[in-house]
């Protein structure tokens, strides 16, 4: 079984994702209940911020694990750096 950089942080990541899932369900409920637009937008912004934190944690874990000299990877060193830059670009 292949282990990714987030393996050690997996329980914390899953906990964060569960919270985000709850936030998104809450936004859906707010829409169903015809809540005030600004209040819904505030909650959408909070959910996006929480997902951004998950993404940053994954990037940190990737950088620590996959870009370390100890990690054996079939691609060259330059390719690993490119992969990280592409991942950051997706976030932006």
C-alpha atoms as a PDB file:
ATOM      1  CA  UNK A   1       0.000   0.000   0.000  1.00  0.00           C
ATOM      2  CA  UNK A   2       1.340   3.403  -0.974  1.00  0.00           C
ATOM      3  CA  UNK A   3       1.554   6.025   1.771  1.00  0.00           C
ATOM      4  CA  UNK A   4       1.152   9.648   0.880  1.00  0.00           C
ATOM      5  CA  UNK A   5       2.558  12.623   2.739  1.00  0.00           C
ATOM      6  CA  UNK A   6      -0.667  13.181   4.641  1.00  0.00           C
ATOM      7  CA  UNK A   7      -0.700   9.671   6.155  1.00  0.00           C
ATOM      8  CA  UNK A   8       0.349  10.878   9.614  1.00  0.00           C
ATOM      9  CA  UNK A   9      -2.046  13.826   9.452  1.00  0.00           C
ATOM     10  CA  UNK A  10      -4.962  11.828   8.007  1.00  0.00           C
ATOM     11  CA  UNK A  11      -7.176  11.756  11.136  1.00  0.00           C
ATOM     12  CA  UNK A  12      -6.890  15.535  11.564  1.00  0.00           C
ATOM     13  CA  UNK A  13      -7.606  16.107   7.875  1.00  0.00           C
ATOM     14  CA  UNK A  14     -10.682  13.880   8.006  1.00  0.00           C
ATOM     15  CA  UNK A  15     -11.908  15.729  11.094  1.00  0.00           C
ATOM     16  CA  UNK A  16     -11.502  19.080   9.306  1.00  0.00           C
ATOM     17  CA  UNK A  17     -13.284  17.743   6.230  1.00  0.00           C
ATOM     18  CA  UNK A  18     -16.175  16.491   8.359  1.00  0.00           C
ATOM     19  CA  UNK A  19     -16.533  19.989   9.797  1.00  0.00           C
ATOM     20  CA  UNK A  20     -16.517  21.488   6.302  1.00  0.00           C
ATOM     21  CA  UNK A  21     -19.145  18.976   5.249  1.00  0.00           C
ATOM     22  CA  UNK A  22     -21.293  20.095   8.173  1.00  0.00           C
ATOM     23  CA  UNK A  23     -20.793  23.734   7.212  1.00  0.00           C
ATOM     24  CA  UNK A  24     -21.910  23.052   3.640  1.00  0.00           C
ATOM     25  CA  UNK A  25     -24.981  21.178   4.864  1.00  0.00           C
ATOM     26  CA  UNK A  26     -25.701  24.179   7.067  1.00  0.00           C
ATOM     27  CA  UNK A  27     -25.508  26.490   4.052  1.00  0.00           C
ATOM     28  CA  UNK A  28     -27.968  24.270   2.182  1.00  0.00           C
ATOM     29  CA  UNK A  29     -30.339  24.389   5.142  1.00  0.00           C
ATOM     30  CA  UNK A  30     -30.048  28.182   5.268  1.00  0.00           C
ATOM     31  CA  UNK A  31     -31.053  28.378   1.602  1.00  0.00           C
ATOM     32  CA  UNK A  32     -33.946  25.952   2.149  1.00  0.00           C
ATOM     33  CA  UNK A  33     -35.121  28.093   5.065  1.00  0.00           C
ATOM     34  CA  UNK A  34     -34.849  31.328   3.043  1.00  0.00           C
ATOM     35  CA  UNK A  35     -32.285  32.944   5.331  1.00  0.00           C
ATOM     36  CA  UNK A  36     -30.816  36.376   4.662  1.00  0.00           C
ATOM     37  CA  UNK A  37     -28.401  36.438   1.683  1.00  0.00           C
ATOM     38  CA  UNK A  38     -25.553  38.087   3.555  1.00  0.00           C
ATOM     39  CA  UNK A  39     -25.729  35.477   6.316  1.00  0.00           C
ATOM     40  CA  UNK A  40     -25.540  32.694   3.718  1.00  0.00           C
ATOM     41  CA  UNK A  41     -22.590  34.372   1.994  1.00  0.00           C
ATOM     42  CA  UNK A  42     -20.815  34.636   5.340  1.00  0.00           C
ATOM     43  CA  UNK A  43     -21.202  30.897   5.858  1.00  0.00           C
ATOM     44  CA  UNK A  44     -20.060  30.135   2.292  1.00  0.00           C
ATOM     45  CA  UNK A  45     -16.956  32.227   2.950  1.00  0.00           C
ATOM     46  CA  UNK A  46     -16.288  30.325   6.186  1.00  0.00           C
ATOM     47  CA  UNK A  47     -16.606  26.970   4.393  1.00  0.00           C
ATOM     48  CA  UNK A  48     -14.229  28.119   1.651  1.00  0.00           C
ATOM     49  CA  UNK A  49     -11.708  29.273   4.261  1.00  0.00           C
ATOM     50  CA  UNK A  50     -11.931  25.903   6.011  1.00  0.00           C
ATOM     51  CA  UNK A  51     -11.302  24.079   2.708  1.00  0.00           C
ATOM     52  CA  UNK A  52      -8.341  26.370   2.047  1.00  0.00           C
ATOM     53  CA  UNK A  53      -6.873  25.310   5.399  1.00  0.00           C
ATOM     54  CA  UNK A  54      -7.256  21.651   4.412  1.00  0.00           C
ATOM     55  CA  UNK A  55      -5.520  22.374   1.100  1.00  0.00           C
ATOM     56  CA  UNK A  56      -2.654  24.160   2.863  1.00  0.00           C
ATOM     57  CA  UNK A  57      -2.183  21.240   5.237  1.00  0.00           C
ATOM     58  CA  UNK A  58      -2.072  18.849   2.273  1.00  0.00           C
ATOM     59  CA  UNK A  59       0.497  21.064   0.542  1.00  0.00           C
ATOM     60  CA  UNK A  60       2.608  21.220   3.701  1.00  0.00           C
ATOM     61  CA  UNK A  61       2.466  17.442   4.077  1.00  0.00           C
ATOM     62  CA  UNK A  62       3.308  16.992   0.397  1.00  0.00           C
ATOM     63  CA  UNK A  63       6.282  19.324   0.643  1.00  0.00           C
ATOM     64  CA  UNK A  64       7.602  17.612   3.768  1.00  0.00           C
ATOM     65  CA  UNK A  65       7.121  14.084   2.480  1.00  0.00           C
ATOM     66  CA  UNK A  66       7.263  14.057  -1.290  1.00  0.00           C
ATOM     67  CA  UNK A  67       9.930  16.709  -1.725  1.00  0.00           C
ATOM     68  CA  UNK A  68      12.234  15.365   0.978  1.00  0.00           C
ATOM     69  CA  UNK A  69      15.475  13.719  -0.015  1.00  0.00           C
ATOM     70  CA  UNK A  70      14.408  10.549   1.805  1.00  0.00           C
ATOM     71  CA  UNK A  71      11.352  10.035  -0.381  1.00  0.00           C
ATOM     72  CA  UNK A  72      11.960   7.768  -3.337  1.00  0.00           C
ATOM     73  CA  UNK A  73       9.956   8.809  -6.371  1.00  0.00           C
ATOM     74  CA  UNK A  74      10.127   7.678  -9.963  1.00  0.00           C
ATOM     75  CA  UNK A  75      10.197  11.221 -11.274  1.00  0.00           C
ATOM     76  CA  UNK A  76      13.145  13.581 -11.232  1.00  0.00           C
ATOM     77  CA  UNK A  77      13.664  16.303  -8.633  1.00  0.00           C
ATOM     78  CA  UNK A  78      12.586  19.062 -11.014  1.00  0.00           C
ATOM     79  CA  UNK A  79       9.358  17.255 -11.724  1.00  0.00           C
ATOM     80  CA  UNK A  80       8.496  17.129  -8.015  1.00  0.00           C
ATOM     81  CA  UNK A  81       8.990  20.874  -7.713  1.00  0.00           C
ATOM     82  CA  UNK A  82       6.865  21.422 -10.824  1.00  0.00           C
ATOM     83  CA  UNK A  83       4.164  19.223  -9.356  1.00  0.00           C
ATOM     84  CA  UNK A  84       4.101  21.364  -6.213  1.00  0.00           C
ATOM     85  CA  UNK A  85       3.895  24.590  -8.209  1.00  0.00           C
ATOM     86  CA  UNK A  86       1.027  23.192 -10.275  1.00  0.00           C
ATOM     87  CA  UNK A  87      -0.798  22.207  -7.067  1.00  0.00           C
ATOM     88  CA  UNK A  88      -0.336  25.720  -5.669  1.00  0.00           C
ATOM     89  CA  UNK A  89      -1.586  27.152  -8.960  1.00  0.00           C
ATOM     90  CA  UNK A  90      -4.774  25.111  -8.657  1.00  0.00           C
ATOM     91  CA  UNK A  91      -5.381  26.626  -5.246  1.00  0.00           C
ATOM     92  CA  UNK A  92      -4.972  30.155  -6.534  1.00  0.00           C
END
